[in-house]
Amino acid sequence: MPEVPVAGAGGANALLNRLYVSQMLQFSGAFSARGNFGGGAGEGQFSSYLREEFATKIADNLQILPQEMLSE
């Protein structure tokens, strides 16, 4: 996962939300290979990039984690 610079508390909250959503998407299997039609290692790398981009868009539009968790 690429390093993302975090500036201030708002940046840390956004990063935590994005990482949380990314893990939820990973464990849901939404971007996993489809049986015998998988594309190998290239598909695995692309799907992780795609999952990170989806997580970023979702986290930008939603507050996933409760604010009490983020302010501690």
C-alpha atoms as a PDB file:
ATOM      1  CA  MET A   1       0.000   0.000   0.000  1.00  0.00           C
ATOM      2  CA  PRO A   2       1.455   3.399  -0.902  1.00  0.00           C
ATOM      3  CA  GLU A   3       2.368   5.800   1.867  1.00  0.00           C
ATOM      4  CA  VAL A   4      -0.147   8.620   2.197  1.00  0.00           C
ATOM      5  CA  PRO A   5       0.984  11.852   3.872  1.00  0.00           C
ATOM      6  CA  VAL A   6      -1.211  12.762   6.810  1.00  0.00           C
ATOM      7  CA  ALA A   7      -1.503  16.406   7.847  1.00  0.00           C
ATOM      8  CA  GLY A   8      -3.482  17.179  10.980  1.00  0.00           C
ATOM      9  CA  ALA A   9      -6.353  15.302  12.584  1.00  0.00           C
ATOM     10  CA  GLY A  10      -8.633  15.569   9.543  1.00  0.00           C
ATOM     11  CA  GLY A  11      -6.086  13.750   7.398  1.00  0.00           C
ATOM     12  CA  ALA A  12      -5.666  10.994   9.964  1.00  0.00           C
ATOM     13  CA  ASN A  13      -9.440  10.511  10.204  1.00  0.00           C
ATOM     14  CA  ALA A  14      -9.779  10.329   6.420  1.00  0.00           C
ATOM     15  CA  LEU A  15      -6.913   7.836   6.193  1.00  0.00           C
ATOM     16  CA  LEU A  16      -8.413   5.651   8.928  1.00  0.00           C
ATOM     17  CA  ASN A  17     -11.810   5.667   7.198  1.00  0.00           C
ATOM     18  CA  ARG A  18     -10.203   4.775   3.846  1.00  0.00           C
ATOM     19  CA  LEU A  19      -8.198   1.909   5.315  1.00  0.00           C
ATOM     20  CA  TYR A  20     -11.258   0.570   7.141  1.00  0.00           C
ATOM     21  CA  VAL A  21     -13.355   0.606   3.961  1.00  0.00           C
ATOM     22  CA  SER A  22     -10.522  -1.008   1.993  1.00  0.00           C
ATOM     23  CA  GLN A  23     -10.330  -3.880   4.478  1.00  0.00           C
ATOM     24  CA  MET A  24     -14.105  -4.327   4.366  1.00  0.00           C
ATOM     25  CA  LEU A  25     -13.982  -4.540   0.564  1.00  0.00           C
ATOM     26  CA  GLN A  26     -11.047  -6.962   0.672  1.00  0.00           C
ATOM     27  CA  PHE A  27     -12.753  -9.387   3.036  1.00  0.00           C
ATOM     28  CA  SER A  28     -16.034  -9.172   1.134  1.00  0.00           C
ATOM     29  CA  GLY A  29     -14.320 -10.676  -1.905  1.00  0.00           C
ATOM     30  CA  ALA A  30     -15.770  -8.003  -4.180  1.00  0.00           C
ATOM     31  CA  PHE A  31     -12.593  -7.780  -6.301  1.00  0.00           C
ATOM     32  CA  SER A  32     -11.385 -11.389  -6.211  1.00  0.00           C
ATOM     33  CA  ALA A  33     -10.609 -13.529  -9.269  1.00  0.00           C
ATOM     34  CA  ARG A  34     -13.558 -15.272 -10.880  1.00  0.00           C
ATOM     35  CA  GLY A  35     -12.804 -19.001 -11.001  1.00  0.00           C
ATOM     36  CA  ASN A  36     -10.982 -20.331 -14.076  1.00  0.00           C
ATOM     37  CA  PHE A  37     -11.168 -16.971 -15.817  1.00  0.00           C
ATOM     38  CA  GLY A  38      -8.725 -15.277 -13.459  1.00  0.00           C
ATOM     39  CA  GLY A  39      -5.919 -13.177 -14.910  1.00  0.00           C
ATOM     40  CA  GLY A  40      -3.123 -14.314 -12.605  1.00  0.00           C
ATOM     41  CA  ALA A  41      -0.779 -11.987 -10.765  1.00  0.00           C
ATOM     42  CA  GLY A  42      -1.630  -8.994 -12.957  1.00  0.00           C
ATOM     43  CA  GLU A  43      -5.282  -9.255 -12.054  1.00  0.00           C
ATOM     44  CA  GLY A  44      -4.415  -9.479  -8.365  1.00  0.00           C
ATOM     45  CA  GLN A  45      -2.349  -6.305  -8.546  1.00  0.00           C
ATOM     46  CA  PHE A  46      -4.971  -4.417 -10.522  1.00  0.00           C
ATOM     47  CA  SER A  47      -7.771  -5.537  -8.215  1.00  0.00           C
ATOM     48  CA  SER A  48      -5.909  -4.236  -5.157  1.00  0.00           C
ATOM     49  CA  TYR A  49      -5.414  -0.868  -6.889  1.00  0.00           C
ATOM     50  CA  LEU A  50      -9.065  -0.809  -7.901  1.00  0.00           C
ATOM     51  CA  ARG A  51     -10.143  -1.714  -4.349  1.00  0.00           C
ATOM     52  CA  GLU A  52      -8.050   1.168  -2.934  1.00  0.00           C
ATOM     53  CA  GLU A  53      -9.607   3.629  -5.374  1.00  0.00           C
ATOM     54  CA  PHE A  54     -13.133   2.471  -4.538  1.00  0.00           C
ATOM     55  CA  ALA A  55     -12.326   2.713  -0.815  1.00  0.00           C
ATOM     56  CA  THR A  56     -11.050   6.268  -1.285  1.00  0.00           C
ATOM     57  CA  LYS A  57     -14.214   7.349  -3.105  1.00  0.00           C
ATOM     58  CA  ILE A  58     -16.486   5.697  -0.530  1.00  0.00           C
ATOM     59  CA  ALA A  59     -14.565   7.119   2.438  1.00  0.00           C
ATOM     60  CA  ASP A  60     -14.609  10.616   0.883  1.00  0.00           C
ATOM     61  CA  ASN A  61     -18.405  10.527   0.716  1.00  0.00           C
ATOM     62  CA  LEU A  62     -19.259   8.712   3.963  1.00  0.00           C
ATOM     63  CA  GLN A  63     -18.217   8.891   7.595  1.00  0.00           C
ATOM     64  CA  ILE A  64     -17.834   5.176   8.299  1.00  0.00           C
ATOM     65  CA  LEU A  65     -16.333   5.104  11.773  1.00  0.00           C
ATOM     66  CA  PRO A  66     -18.071   6.889  14.668  1.00  0.00           C
ATOM     67  CA  GLN A  67     -16.621  10.307  15.466  1.00  0.00           C
ATOM     68  CA  GLU A  68     -15.966   9.221  19.079  1.00  0.00           C
ATOM     69  CA  MET A  69     -13.507   6.576  17.824  1.00  0.00           C
ATOM     70  CA  LEU A  70     -11.706   9.045  15.597  1.00  0.00           C
ATOM     71  CA  SER A  71     -11.248  11.812  18.152  1.00  0.00           C
ATOM     72  CA  GLU A  72      -9.418   9.660  20.715  1.00  0.00           C
END
